[in-house]
């Protein structure tokens, strides 16, 4: 069963540029590591501290394999460190979704 990981970020509204840079870096890293990146979404109007990402996988097993590859990827590690060092992500929630089909 295919799954989509819905990630909700609470970001520092004064560090949106750093979060956008972080997001742009994932655009090449995630597909290389096996995720089908639907996209990252930044605040535009209204709430200025919430951002989202959607990434699909063929199965939960494929997601777990992706996570292992991500933890071994030099650019992925550097991007995780960038977020940790600059502290622009205040909270992160992951929800695993499945598509409703007829």
N, C-alpha and C. Protein backbone atom coordinates (compact mmCIF):
# COMPACT_ATOMS: atom_id res chain seq x y z
N UNK A 1 0.83 -1.18 0.00
CA UNK A 1 0.00 0.00 0.00
C UNK A 1 0.88 1.25 0.00
N UNK A 2 0.62 2.15 -0.92
CA UNK A 2 1.38 3.40 -1.00
C UNK A 2 1.00 4.30 0.19
N UNK A 3 2.00 5.04 0.67
CA UNK A 3 1.78 5.97 1.78
C UNK A 3 2.39 7.32 1.42
N UNK A 4 1.77 8.36 1.94
CA UNK A 4 2.31 9.71 1.81
C UNK A 4 2.58 10.23 3.20
N UNK A 5 3.78 10.73 3.40
CA UNK A 5 4.15 11.33 4.67
C UNK A 5 3.84 12.82 4.58
N UNK A 6 2.99 13.27 5.48
CA UNK A 6 2.61 14.67 5.58
C UNK A 6 3.38 15.23 6.77
N UNK A 7 4.26 16.19 6.50
CA UNK A 7 5.07 16.78 7.57
C UNK A 7 4.59 18.22 7.79
N UNK A 8 4.25 18.50 9.03
CA UNK A 8 3.84 19.85 9.42
C UNK A 8 4.96 20.43 10.27
N UNK A 9 5.48 21.56 9.82
CA UNK A 9 6.56 22.24 10.53
C UNK A 9 6.01 23.49 11.20
N UNK A 10 6.44 23.75 12.41
CA UNK A 10 6.27 25.06 13.01
C UNK A 10 7.65 25.70 12.96
N UNK A 11 7.75 26.80 12.25
CA UNK A 11 9.04 27.43 12.01
C UNK A 11 9.10 28.80 12.70
N UNK A 12 10.31 29.26 12.91
CA UNK A 12 10.52 30.60 13.44
C UNK A 12 10.15 31.58 12.32
N UNK A 13 9.13 32.41 12.51
CA UNK A 13 8.70 33.30 11.43
C UNK A 13 9.76 34.32 11.03
N UNK A 14 10.75 34.53 11.88
CA UNK A 14 11.83 35.46 11.55
C UNK A 14 12.98 34.76 10.83
N UNK A 15 12.84 33.44 10.63
CA UNK A 15 13.87 32.67 9.94
C UNK A 15 13.28 31.89 8.77
N UNK A 16 12.26 32.47 8.13
CA UNK A 16 11.63 31.79 6.99
C UNK A 16 12.60 31.60 5.83
N UNK A 17 13.51 32.53 5.63
CA UNK A 17 14.49 32.39 4.54
C UNK A 17 15.38 31.16 4.75
N UNK A 18 15.77 30.91 5.99
CA UNK A 18 16.58 29.72 6.28
C UNK A 18 15.77 28.45 6.03
N UNK A 19 14.50 28.45 6.43
CA UNK A 19 13.67 27.27 6.18
C UNK A 19 13.48 27.05 4.69
N UNK A 20 13.32 28.12 3.93
CA UNK A 20 13.16 27.97 2.49
C UNK A 20 14.44 27.38 1.87
N UNK A 21 15.61 27.81 2.32
CA UNK A 21 16.86 27.25 1.83
C UNK A 21 16.95 25.76 2.19
N UNK A 22 16.59 25.42 3.41
CA UNK A 22 16.54 24.03 3.87
C UNK A 22 15.63 23.20 2.95
N UNK A 23 14.46 23.74 2.65
CA UNK A 23 13.49 23.05 1.79
C UNK A 23 14.05 22.84 0.39
N UNK A 24 14.67 23.87 -0.17
CA UNK A 24 15.24 23.76 -1.52
C UNK A 24 16.31 22.68 -1.60
N UNK A 25 17.08 22.53 -0.54
CA UNK A 25 18.11 21.49 -0.53
C UNK A 25 17.50 20.09 -0.63
N UNK A 26 16.33 19.90 0.01
CA UNK A 26 15.68 18.59 -0.03
C UNK A 26 15.16 18.23 -1.42
N UNK A 27 14.97 19.22 -2.29
CA UNK A 27 14.40 18.95 -3.61
C UNK A 27 15.23 17.97 -4.43
N UNK A 28 16.52 17.92 -4.21
CA UNK A 28 17.36 16.94 -4.91
C UNK A 28 17.71 15.74 -4.01
N UNK A 29 17.83 15.98 -2.72
CA UNK A 29 18.23 14.91 -1.80
C UNK A 29 17.16 13.84 -1.66
N UNK A 30 15.92 14.25 -1.45
CA UNK A 30 14.83 13.29 -1.21
C UNK A 30 14.64 12.34 -2.39
N UNK A 31 14.52 12.85 -3.63
CA UNK A 31 14.37 11.90 -4.75
C UNK A 31 15.57 10.96 -4.90
N UNK A 32 16.77 11.48 -4.68
CA UNK A 32 17.97 10.65 -4.78
C UNK A 32 17.95 9.50 -3.77
N UNK A 33 17.35 9.75 -2.61
CA UNK A 33 17.30 8.73 -1.55
C UNK A 33 16.07 7.83 -1.65
N UNK A 34 15.19 8.09 -2.63
CA UNK A 34 14.08 7.18 -2.86
C UNK A 34 12.69 7.70 -2.55
N UNK A 35 12.55 8.95 -2.17
CA UNK A 35 11.23 9.50 -1.90
C UNK A 35 10.66 10.18 -3.13
N UNK A 36 9.34 10.08 -3.30
CA UNK A 36 8.65 10.79 -4.37
C UNK A 36 8.15 12.10 -3.77
N UNK A 37 8.96 13.15 -3.92
CA UNK A 37 8.67 14.43 -3.29
C UNK A 37 7.55 15.14 -4.02
N UNK A 38 6.44 15.34 -3.35
CA UNK A 38 5.33 16.11 -3.91
C UNK A 38 5.66 17.59 -3.77
N UNK A 39 6.23 17.99 -2.64
CA UNK A 39 6.68 19.36 -2.51
C UNK A 39 6.78 19.85 -1.08
N UNK A 40 7.44 20.99 -0.95
CA UNK A 40 7.50 21.76 0.28
C UNK A 40 6.64 22.99 0.07
N UNK A 41 5.95 23.42 1.11
CA UNK A 41 5.02 24.53 1.01
C UNK A 41 5.29 25.52 2.13
N UNK A 42 5.56 26.77 1.74
CA UNK A 42 5.91 27.85 2.66
C UNK A 42 4.68 28.70 3.00
N UNK A 43 4.71 29.38 4.16
CA UNK A 43 3.65 30.33 4.46
C UNK A 43 3.62 31.45 3.41
N UNK A 44 2.42 31.86 3.06
CA UNK A 44 2.27 32.94 2.07
C UNK A 44 1.40 34.06 2.66
N UNK A 45 0.18 33.74 3.01
CA UNK A 45 -0.74 34.68 3.65
C UNK A 45 -1.25 34.03 4.92
N UNK A 46 -1.66 34.84 5.86
CA UNK A 46 -2.21 34.30 7.11
C UNK A 46 -1.10 33.86 8.05
N UNK A 47 -1.24 32.66 8.59
CA UNK A 47 -0.27 32.14 9.55
C UNK A 47 1.13 32.14 8.95
N UNK A 48 2.09 32.70 9.71
CA UNK A 48 3.43 32.85 9.15
C UNK A 48 4.46 31.90 9.74
N UNK A 49 4.00 30.93 10.54
CA UNK A 49 4.96 30.02 11.18
C UNK A 49 4.67 28.54 10.91
N UNK A 50 3.85 28.24 9.91
CA UNK A 50 3.51 26.86 9.58
C UNK A 50 3.91 26.58 8.13
N UNK A 51 4.63 25.48 7.93
CA UNK A 51 5.02 25.03 6.60
C UNK A 51 4.73 23.53 6.50
N UNK A 52 4.68 23.01 5.28
CA UNK A 52 4.34 21.61 5.06
C UNK A 52 5.25 20.97 4.03
N UNK A 53 5.35 19.65 4.10
CA UNK A 53 6.01 18.86 3.05
C UNK A 53 5.19 17.59 2.86
N UNK A 54 5.16 17.10 1.63
CA UNK A 54 4.49 15.85 1.29
C UNK A 54 5.45 14.99 0.49
N UNK A 55 5.64 13.75 0.95
CA UNK A 55 6.55 12.82 0.29
C UNK A 55 5.86 11.46 0.23
N UNK A 56 5.80 10.85 -0.95
CA UNK A 56 5.14 9.56 -1.11
C UNK A 56 6.13 8.42 -1.27
N UNK A 57 5.68 7.25 -0.86
CA UNK A 57 6.47 6.01 -0.93
C UNK A 57 5.56 4.87 -1.32
N UNK A 58 6.14 3.83 -1.92
CA UNK A 58 5.35 2.66 -2.32
C UNK A 58 4.79 1.90 -1.13
N UNK A 59 5.47 2.00 0.02
CA UNK A 59 5.06 1.25 1.21
C UNK A 59 5.78 1.82 2.43
N UNK A 60 5.39 1.38 3.61
CA UNK A 60 6.11 1.76 4.82
C UNK A 60 7.53 1.21 4.80
N UNK A 61 7.70 0.01 4.23
CA UNK A 61 9.05 -0.56 4.11
C UNK A 61 9.93 0.32 3.23
N UNK A 62 9.37 0.85 2.14
CA UNK A 62 10.12 1.75 1.27
C UNK A 62 10.49 3.03 2.01
N UNK A 63 9.59 3.50 2.87
CA UNK A 63 9.88 4.69 3.69
C UNK A 63 11.05 4.41 4.63
N UNK A 64 11.03 3.25 5.28
CA UNK A 64 12.11 2.90 6.21
C UNK A 64 13.45 2.80 5.49
N UNK A 65 13.46 2.21 4.28
CA UNK A 65 14.69 2.12 3.49
C UNK A 65 15.18 3.52 3.10
N UNK A 66 14.26 4.39 2.75
CA UNK A 66 14.57 5.78 2.43
C UNK A 66 15.22 6.47 3.63
N UNK A 67 14.65 6.29 4.81
CA UNK A 67 15.20 6.93 6.02
C UNK A 67 16.63 6.47 6.27
N UNK A 68 16.90 5.19 6.04
CA UNK A 68 18.26 4.67 6.22
C UNK A 68 19.21 5.32 5.22
N UNK A 69 18.80 5.44 3.95
CA UNK A 69 19.64 6.08 2.93
C UNK A 69 19.85 7.56 3.27
N UNK A 70 18.81 8.21 3.76
CA UNK A 70 18.90 9.63 4.11
C UNK A 70 19.90 9.85 5.23
N UNK A 71 19.91 8.97 6.22
CA UNK A 71 20.84 9.10 7.35
C UNK A 71 22.29 8.86 6.93
N UNK A 72 22.50 8.23 5.77
CA UNK A 72 23.85 7.96 5.28
C UNK A 72 24.28 8.95 4.19
N UNK A 73 23.37 9.82 3.75
CA UNK A 73 23.64 10.75 2.66
C UNK A 73 24.34 12.00 3.20
N UNK A 74 25.49 12.33 2.65
CA UNK A 74 26.29 13.47 3.14
C UNK A 74 25.52 14.79 3.06
N UNK A 75 24.83 15.04 1.95
CA UNK A 75 24.06 16.28 1.83
C UNK A 75 22.86 16.28 2.78
N UNK A 76 22.25 15.12 2.98
CA UNK A 76 21.15 15.01 3.92
C UNK A 76 21.60 15.31 5.34
N UNK A 77 22.72 14.73 5.72
CA UNK A 77 23.28 14.98 7.07
C UNK A 77 23.59 16.46 7.23
N UNK A 78 24.19 17.07 6.21
CA UNK A 78 24.52 18.49 6.27
C UNK A 78 23.26 19.35 6.42
N UNK A 79 22.18 18.96 5.74
CA UNK A 79 20.94 19.73 5.83
C UNK A 79 20.30 19.58 7.21
N UNK A 80 20.31 18.37 7.76
CA UNK A 80 19.81 18.18 9.13
C UNK A 80 20.62 19.05 10.10
N UNK A 81 21.95 19.07 9.92
CA UNK A 81 22.82 19.88 10.79
C UNK A 81 22.53 21.38 10.64
N UNK A 82 22.28 21.82 9.41
CA UNK A 82 21.92 23.21 9.15
C UNK A 82 20.69 23.60 9.97
N UNK A 83 19.67 22.76 9.94
CA UNK A 83 18.44 23.04 10.69
C UNK A 83 18.70 23.06 12.20
N UNK A 84 19.48 22.12 12.66
CA UNK A 84 19.78 22.04 14.09
C UNK A 84 20.62 23.23 14.55
N UNK A 85 21.62 23.60 13.76
CA UNK A 85 22.50 24.71 14.13
C UNK A 85 21.76 26.06 14.12
N UNK A 86 20.91 26.28 13.11
CA UNK A 86 20.23 27.57 12.96
C UNK A 86 18.89 27.64 13.71
N UNK A 87 18.38 26.49 14.15
CA UNK A 87 17.17 26.42 14.98
C UNK A 87 15.97 27.17 14.40
N UNK A 88 15.73 27.00 13.10
CA UNK A 88 14.57 27.64 12.48
C UNK A 88 13.34 26.74 12.50
N UNK A 89 13.51 25.45 12.79
CA UNK A 89 12.38 24.55 12.96
C UNK A 89 12.12 24.41 14.45
N UNK A 90 10.93 24.83 14.87
CA UNK A 90 10.58 24.79 16.28
C UNK A 90 9.88 23.49 16.66
N UNK A 91 9.14 22.91 15.72
CA UNK A 91 8.45 21.63 15.96
C UNK A 91 8.17 20.99 14.61
N UNK A 92 8.06 19.66 14.63
CA UNK A 92 7.82 18.90 13.41
C UNK A 92 6.90 17.73 13.75
N UNK A 93 5.84 17.58 12.96
CA UNK A 93 4.89 16.46 13.14
C UNK A 93 4.81 15.67 11.85
N UNK A 94 4.76 14.35 11.96
CA UNK A 94 4.63 13.49 10.78
C UNK A 94 3.34 12.69 10.89
N UNK A 95 2.60 12.69 9.79
CA UNK A 95 1.39 11.89 9.69
C UNK A 95 1.52 11.03 8.43
N UNK A 96 1.17 9.77 8.55
CA UNK A 96 1.25 8.84 7.42
C UNK A 96 -0.16 8.66 6.86
N UNK A 97 -0.32 8.98 5.58
CA UNK A 97 -1.62 8.96 4.94
C UNK A 97 -1.67 7.93 3.81
N UNK A 98 -2.86 7.46 3.55
CA UNK A 98 -3.07 6.62 2.37
C UNK A 98 -4.15 7.26 1.53
N UNK A 99 -4.05 7.10 0.23
CA UNK A 99 -5.01 7.70 -0.69
C UNK A 99 -6.31 6.91 -0.67
N UNK A 100 -7.41 7.61 -0.68
CA UNK A 100 -8.72 6.97 -0.74
C UNK A 100 -9.01 6.66 -2.21
N UNK A 101 -9.32 5.41 -2.49
CA UNK A 101 -9.62 4.99 -3.85
C UNK A 101 -10.98 4.30 -3.88
N UNK A 102 -11.63 4.34 -5.05
CA UNK A 102 -12.95 3.73 -5.20
C UNK A 102 -12.83 2.23 -5.30
